């Protein structure tokens, strides 16, 4: 189910863009490998916010609220001053062209 992930990313190392435009969530298998970097802003899955390494919040990035958008909201909401790192666990795999696989219908199971 988890196809790609990133752990303990520092907020200050993310290009958040300006206003409601731009930004990137770049990551690579090896540190400082800009040539093979992947933009994970459209990733889906779950994420965790930390202050240093203490867990603060766990959230979900679904089809309508992709990972980058969800994280960016938390920069100015009630959690804004409470986190400085994040981890994410995505359902979209990385392709050979350093992109993300197409989204498939997500199955959601609820307890009755």
Protein backbone atom coordinates (compact mmCIF):
# COMPACT_ATOMS: atom_id res chain seq x y z
CA UNK A 1 0.00 0.00 0.00
CA UNK A 2 2.80 2.48 0.85
CA UNK A 3 4.72 3.12 -2.38
CA UNK A 4 7.04 5.97 -1.34
CA UNK A 5 7.83 7.90 1.79
CA UNK A 6 9.89 10.67 3.33
CA UNK A 7 10.80 11.00 6.98
CA UNK A 8 11.64 13.99 9.17
CA UNK A 9 11.80 16.61 6.42
CA UNK A 10 12.66 20.05 7.78
CA UNK A 11 10.12 22.78 7.03
CA UNK A 12 12.82 25.31 6.16
CA UNK A 13 14.15 23.10 3.34
CA UNK A 14 10.87 23.10 1.40
CA UNK A 15 10.12 25.57 -1.41
CA UNK A 16 6.67 26.71 -0.28
CA UNK A 17 6.23 29.14 -3.19
CA UNK A 18 4.39 32.44 -2.91
CA UNK A 19 0.77 33.09 -1.94
CA UNK A 20 -1.32 30.33 -3.56
CA UNK A 21 1.11 29.63 -6.39
CA UNK A 22 4.26 27.66 -6.96
CA UNK A 23 6.30 25.64 -4.57
CA UNK A 24 7.84 22.20 -4.73
CA UNK A 25 8.20 19.23 -2.44
CA UNK A 26 11.42 17.79 -3.85
CA UNK A 27 13.02 14.62 -2.63
CA UNK A 28 15.49 12.04 -3.91
CA UNK A 29 16.67 8.60 -2.91
CA UNK A 30 20.11 10.02 -2.11
CA UNK A 31 20.76 13.33 -0.36
CA UNK A 32 21.77 16.20 -2.69
CA UNK A 33 20.80 14.24 -5.84
CA UNK A 34 19.07 17.14 -7.62
CA UNK A 35 19.31 15.41 -11.01
CA UNK A 36 17.00 12.60 -9.84
CA UNK A 37 14.74 14.67 -7.58
CA UNK A 38 11.01 13.92 -7.58
CA UNK A 39 8.31 16.49 -6.82
CA UNK A 40 6.03 14.85 -4.25
CA UNK A 41 3.56 17.74 -3.89
CA UNK A 42 0.78 15.73 -5.60
CA UNK A 43 1.34 12.66 -3.42
CA UNK A 44 -1.58 11.05 -1.55
CA UNK A 45 -1.41 9.22 1.74
CA UNK A 46 -0.81 10.10 5.36
CA UNK A 47 1.54 12.55 7.01
CA UNK A 48 2.80 13.36 10.48
CA UNK A 49 3.87 16.73 11.87
CA UNK A 50 6.60 16.94 14.51
CA UNK A 51 8.23 19.55 16.69
CA UNK A 52 11.82 18.37 16.34
CA UNK A 53 11.09 14.64 16.73
CA UNK A 54 8.01 14.80 18.99
CA UNK A 55 4.76 13.90 17.22
CA UNK A 56 2.25 16.77 17.10
CA UNK A 57 -0.38 15.77 14.53
CA UNK A 58 -1.28 13.05 12.00
CA UNK A 59 -3.29 13.86 8.89
CA UNK A 60 -4.45 12.45 5.58
CA UNK A 61 -3.81 13.82 2.09
CA UNK A 62 -6.57 12.52 -0.16
CA UNK A 63 -7.38 13.14 -3.82
CA UNK A 64 -8.76 16.65 -3.29
CA UNK A 65 -6.16 17.76 -0.71
CA UNK A 66 -2.80 16.60 -1.94
CA UNK A 67 0.19 16.38 0.38
CA UNK A 68 1.72 19.76 -0.46
CA UNK A 69 -1.58 21.57 -0.06
CA UNK A 70 -2.34 19.94 3.28
CA UNK A 71 1.13 20.76 4.62
CA UNK A 72 0.94 24.33 3.37
CA UNK A 73 -2.38 24.88 5.18
CA UNK A 74 -0.71 23.86 8.44
CA UNK A 75 1.83 26.67 8.02
CA UNK A 76 -0.89 29.18 8.89
CA UNK A 77 -3.56 27.27 10.84
CA UNK A 78 -3.81 26.44 14.56
CA UNK A 79 -0.78 24.13 14.23
CA UNK A 80 1.46 26.73 12.54
CA UNK A 81 3.89 27.36 15.39
CA UNK A 82 3.77 23.81 16.71
CA UNK A 83 5.73 21.90 14.03
CA UNK A 84 9.05 22.16 12.22
CA UNK A 85 9.39 18.70 10.64
CA UNK A 86 7.13 16.26 8.84
CA UNK A 87 7.06 12.71 7.54
CA UNK A 88 4.81 11.34 4.82
CA UNK A 89 3.81 7.91 3.53
CA UNK A 90 2.38 7.93 0.01
CA UNK A 91 0.25 5.62 -2.09
CA UNK A 92 1.74 6.72 -5.43
CA UNK A 93 5.03 5.13 -6.53
CA UNK A 94 7.92 6.90 -8.23
CA UNK A 95 8.24 6.20 -11.98
CA UNK A 96 11.43 5.65 -13.98
CA UNK A 97 11.03 9.22 -15.26
CA UNK A 98 11.14 10.62 -11.69
CA UNK A 99 7.44 11.36 -11.55
CA UNK A 100 4.56 9.77 -9.67
CA UNK A 101 2.36 6.94 -10.91
CA UNK A 102 -1.18 7.74 -12.00
CA UNK A 103 -3.81 7.90 -9.30
CA UNK A 104 -6.16 4.98 -9.03
CA UNK A 105 -9.49 4.80 -7.33
CA UNK A 106 -8.93 4.64 -3.60
CA UNK A 107 -10.82 2.08 -1.58
CA UNK A 108 -12.01 3.40 1.77
CA UNK A 109 -13.12 0.93 4.39
CA UNK A 110 -15.28 2.16 7.24
CA UNK A 111 -16.33 0.40 10.38
CA UNK A 112 -20.11 -0.21 10.63
